N, C-alpha and C. Protein backbone atom coordinates (compact mmCIF):
# COMPACT_ATOMS: atom_id res chain seq x y z
N UNK A 1 0.84 -1.18 0.00
CA UNK A 1 0.00 0.00 0.00
C UNK A 1 0.89 1.24 0.00
N UNK A 2 0.59 2.17 -0.86
CA UNK A 2 1.37 3.40 -0.98
C UNK A 2 1.05 4.34 0.17
N UNK A 3 2.07 5.02 0.70
CA UNK A 3 1.82 5.99 1.78
C UNK A 3 1.01 7.18 1.27
N UNK A 4 0.20 7.73 2.15
CA UNK A 4 -0.62 8.89 1.82
C UNK A 4 0.03 10.12 2.45
N UNK A 5 0.16 11.17 1.67
CA UNK A 5 0.76 12.42 2.13
C UNK A 5 -0.30 13.50 2.03
N UNK A 6 -0.46 14.26 3.09
CA UNK A 6 -1.48 15.30 3.12
C UNK A 6 -0.82 16.68 3.14
N UNK A 7 -1.42 17.63 2.44
CA UNK A 7 -0.93 19.00 2.40
C UNK A 7 -1.59 19.76 3.54
N UNK A 8 -0.77 20.49 4.34
CA UNK A 8 -1.35 21.24 5.45
C UNK A 8 -1.81 22.62 5.00
N UNK A 9 -2.26 23.45 5.95
CA UNK A 9 -2.83 24.76 5.62
C UNK A 9 -1.79 25.73 5.05
N UNK A 10 -0.51 25.48 5.34
CA UNK A 10 0.57 26.33 4.80
C UNK A 10 1.13 25.75 3.50
N UNK A 11 0.46 24.76 2.93
CA UNK A 11 0.86 24.10 1.70
C UNK A 11 2.18 23.34 1.84
N UNK A 12 2.48 22.87 3.04
CA UNK A 12 3.66 22.04 3.27
C UNK A 12 3.27 20.57 3.15
N UNK A 13 4.19 19.78 2.66
CA UNK A 13 3.98 18.34 2.52
C UNK A 13 5.00 17.64 3.40
N UNK A 14 4.54 16.80 4.29
CA UNK A 14 5.44 16.04 5.14
C UNK A 14 5.82 14.73 4.44
N UNK A 15 7.09 14.50 4.31
CA UNK A 15 7.55 13.27 3.67
C UNK A 15 8.01 12.22 4.69
N UNK A 16 7.63 12.40 5.94
CA UNK A 16 8.04 11.43 6.96
C UNK A 16 7.56 10.03 6.64
N UNK A 17 6.37 9.92 6.06
CA UNK A 17 5.82 8.61 5.75
C UNK A 17 6.50 7.94 4.56
N UNK A 18 7.13 8.71 3.68
CA UNK A 18 7.72 8.13 2.47
C UNK A 18 9.24 8.25 2.41
N UNK A 19 9.87 8.82 3.42
CA UNK A 19 11.33 9.03 3.34
C UNK A 19 12.10 7.72 3.28
N UNK A 20 11.63 6.69 3.96
CA UNK A 20 12.32 5.41 3.90
C UNK A 20 12.13 4.74 2.54
N UNK A 21 10.95 4.89 1.98
CA UNK A 21 10.69 4.31 0.67
C UNK A 21 11.53 4.98 -0.41
N UNK A 22 11.65 6.31 -0.33
CA UNK A 22 12.41 7.06 -1.32
C UNK A 22 13.89 7.19 -0.97
N UNK A 23 14.28 6.71 0.22
CA UNK A 23 15.66 6.80 0.71
C UNK A 23 16.15 8.24 0.70
N UNK A 24 15.34 9.12 1.26
CA UNK A 24 15.67 10.54 1.33
C UNK A 24 16.60 10.78 2.51
N UNK A 25 17.65 11.53 2.27
CA UNK A 25 18.61 11.91 3.29
C UNK A 25 18.54 13.43 3.48
N UNK A 26 19.00 13.94 4.62
CA UNK A 26 19.02 15.40 4.79
C UNK A 26 19.85 16.06 3.69
N UNK A 27 19.38 17.19 3.23
CA UNK A 27 20.02 18.01 2.19
C UNK A 27 19.97 17.40 0.79
N UNK A 28 19.17 16.36 0.57
CA UNK A 28 18.97 15.85 -0.78
C UNK A 28 18.18 16.87 -1.59
N UNK A 29 18.46 16.92 -2.87
CA UNK A 29 17.72 17.83 -3.75
C UNK A 29 17.04 17.02 -4.85
N UNK A 30 15.89 17.52 -5.28
CA UNK A 30 15.09 16.82 -6.27
C UNK A 30 14.61 17.80 -7.33
N UNK A 31 14.48 17.30 -8.56
CA UNK A 31 13.77 18.01 -9.60
C UNK A 31 12.31 17.59 -9.49
N UNK A 32 11.41 18.55 -9.57
CA UNK A 32 9.98 18.25 -9.57
C UNK A 32 9.48 18.41 -10.99
N UNK A 33 8.90 17.33 -11.50
CA UNK A 33 8.42 17.35 -12.86
C UNK A 33 6.92 17.06 -12.84
N UNK A 34 6.14 17.92 -13.45
CA UNK A 34 4.70 17.74 -13.49
C UNK A 34 4.33 16.91 -14.71
N UNK A 35 3.77 15.73 -14.46
CA UNK A 35 3.38 14.84 -15.56
C UNK A 35 2.00 15.22 -16.10
N UNK A 36 1.04 15.40 -15.20
CA UNK A 36 -0.30 15.86 -15.57
C UNK A 36 -0.91 16.51 -14.33
N UNK A 37 -2.22 16.74 -14.34
CA UNK A 37 -2.84 17.44 -13.21
C UNK A 37 -2.85 16.61 -11.93
N UNK A 38 -2.65 15.32 -12.02
CA UNK A 38 -2.72 14.44 -10.86
C UNK A 38 -1.39 13.77 -10.51
N UNK A 39 -0.37 13.98 -11.31
CA UNK A 39 0.88 13.24 -11.12
C UNK A 39 2.08 14.18 -11.19
N UNK A 40 2.96 14.05 -10.19
CA UNK A 40 4.26 14.72 -10.23
C UNK A 40 5.33 13.66 -10.05
N UNK A 41 6.51 13.96 -10.54
CA UNK A 41 7.64 13.05 -10.42
C UNK A 41 8.77 13.77 -9.71
N UNK A 42 9.36 13.11 -8.72
CA UNK A 42 10.55 13.64 -8.05
C UNK A 42 11.75 12.88 -8.60
N UNK A 43 12.71 13.61 -9.12
CA UNK A 43 13.94 13.00 -9.62
C UNK A 43 15.09 13.53 -8.78
N UNK A 44 15.78 12.63 -8.13
CA UNK A 44 16.89 13.01 -7.27
C UNK A 44 18.04 13.53 -8.11
N UNK A 45 18.54 14.71 -7.73
CA UNK A 45 19.68 15.27 -8.45
C UNK A 45 20.95 14.65 -7.91
N UNK A 46 21.98 14.70 -8.69
CA UNK A 46 23.26 14.19 -8.23
C UNK A 46 23.89 15.20 -7.29
N UNK A 47 24.74 14.70 -6.45
CA UNK A 47 25.47 15.58 -5.53
C UNK A 47 26.68 16.13 -6.28
N UNK A 48 26.42 17.03 -7.18
CA UNK A 48 27.49 17.51 -8.05
C UNK A 48 28.01 18.87 -7.59
N UNK A 49 28.66 18.88 -6.45
CA UNK A 49 29.35 20.08 -6.00
C UNK A 49 30.67 20.12 -6.76
N UNK A 50 30.91 21.15 -7.56
CA UNK A 50 32.12 21.18 -8.39
C UNK A 50 33.41 21.03 -7.58
N UNK A 51 33.47 21.59 -6.39
CA UNK A 51 34.68 21.48 -5.60
C UNK A 51 34.90 20.03 -5.15
N UNK A 52 33.85 19.38 -4.68
CA UNK A 52 33.96 17.99 -4.24
C UNK A 52 34.30 17.09 -5.43
N UNK A 53 33.68 17.33 -6.58
CA UNK A 53 33.99 16.55 -7.77
C UNK A 53 35.46 16.70 -8.17
N UNK A 54 35.98 17.91 -8.07
CA UNK A 54 37.39 18.13 -8.42
C UNK A 54 38.32 17.42 -7.44
N UNK A 55 37.91 17.34 -6.19
CA UNK A 55 38.74 16.64 -5.21
C UNK A 55 38.71 15.12 -5.44
N UNK A 56 37.55 14.60 -5.79
CA UNK A 56 37.43 13.16 -6.02
C UNK A 56 38.06 12.74 -7.34
N UNK A 57 37.95 13.60 -8.37
CA UNK A 57 38.47 13.27 -9.69
C UNK A 57 39.29 14.44 -10.21
N UNK A 58 40.52 14.57 -9.76
CA UNK A 58 41.35 15.69 -10.23
C UNK A 58 41.65 15.57 -11.72
N UNK A 59 41.92 16.70 -12.34
CA UNK A 59 42.13 16.74 -13.78
C UNK A 59 43.46 16.15 -14.20
N UNK A 60 44.41 16.03 -13.32
CA UNK A 60 45.75 15.59 -13.68
C UNK A 60 45.99 14.10 -13.45
N UNK A 61 45.00 13.28 -13.58
CA UNK A 61 45.15 11.85 -13.33
C UNK A 61 45.85 11.10 -14.45
N UNK A 62 46.11 11.74 -15.57
CA UNK A 62 46.78 11.04 -16.66
C UNK A 62 48.21 10.64 -16.28
N UNK A 63 48.84 11.43 -15.45
CA UNK A 63 50.22 11.15 -15.03
C UNK A 63 50.21 10.43 -13.69
N UNK A 64 49.78 9.19 -13.70
CA UNK A 64 49.72 8.43 -12.46
C UNK A 64 51.09 7.83 -12.18
N UNK A 65 51.91 8.58 -11.48
CA UNK A 65 53.24 8.10 -11.11
C UNK A 65 53.35 8.14 -9.61
N UNK A 66 53.90 7.08 -9.07
CA UNK A 66 54.16 7.07 -7.65
C UNK A 66 55.66 7.29 -7.47
N UNK A 67 55.96 8.18 -6.59
CA UNK A 67 57.35 8.53 -6.37
C UNK A 67 57.85 7.87 -5.09
N UNK A 68 59.07 7.38 -5.16
CA UNK A 68 59.71 6.85 -3.97
C UNK A 68 60.34 8.04 -3.26
N UNK A 69 59.70 8.50 -2.21
CA UNK A 69 60.16 9.71 -1.53
C UNK A 69 61.52 9.54 -0.88
N UNK A 70 61.83 8.35 -0.42
CA UNK A 70 63.14 8.11 0.18
C UNK A 70 64.22 8.25 -0.89
N UNK A 71 63.99 7.68 -2.06
CA UNK A 71 64.96 7.77 -3.15
C UNK A 71 65.12 9.23 -3.61
N UNK A 72 64.02 9.96 -3.69
CA UNK A 72 64.10 11.38 -4.08
C UNK A 72 64.87 12.20 -3.05
N UNK A 73 64.65 11.89 -1.78
CA UNK A 73 65.37 12.61 -0.74
C UNK A 73 66.87 12.29 -0.80
N UNK A 74 67.21 11.02 -1.03
CA UNK A 74 68.62 10.64 -1.17
C UNK A 74 69.27 11.35 -2.35
N UNK A 75 68.55 11.44 -3.46
CA UNK A 75 69.08 12.15 -4.63
C UNK A 75 69.29 13.63 -4.34
N UNK A 76 68.36 14.21 -3.60
CA UNK A 76 68.45 15.61 -3.28
C UNK A 76 69.69 15.90 -2.43
N UNK A 77 69.93 15.06 -1.42
CA UNK A 77 71.05 15.31 -0.50
C UNK A 77 72.39 14.80 -1.02
N UNK A 78 72.35 13.95 -2.06
CA UNK A 78 73.63 13.41 -2.56
C UNK A 78 74.30 14.35 -3.55
N UNK A 79 73.60 15.29 -4.10
CA UNK A 79 74.23 16.19 -5.09
C UNK A 79 74.87 17.39 -4.49
């Protein structure tokens, strides 16, 4: 059975009854799309914060080199 959501006098909708079904977390954002006069669709947006995306996927990943820091330090002090 689908949960029933009621609109209050201030036109607020409580999603407490459906948050587990929709797996809603605090600060989630949704696109609201009106299908017809009786149907709306909520589409969850991606968490696309440009700063966080840049941290997770930096632009310079093509040069994946691991440096031996001990060897670099030895080279630095040996010259």
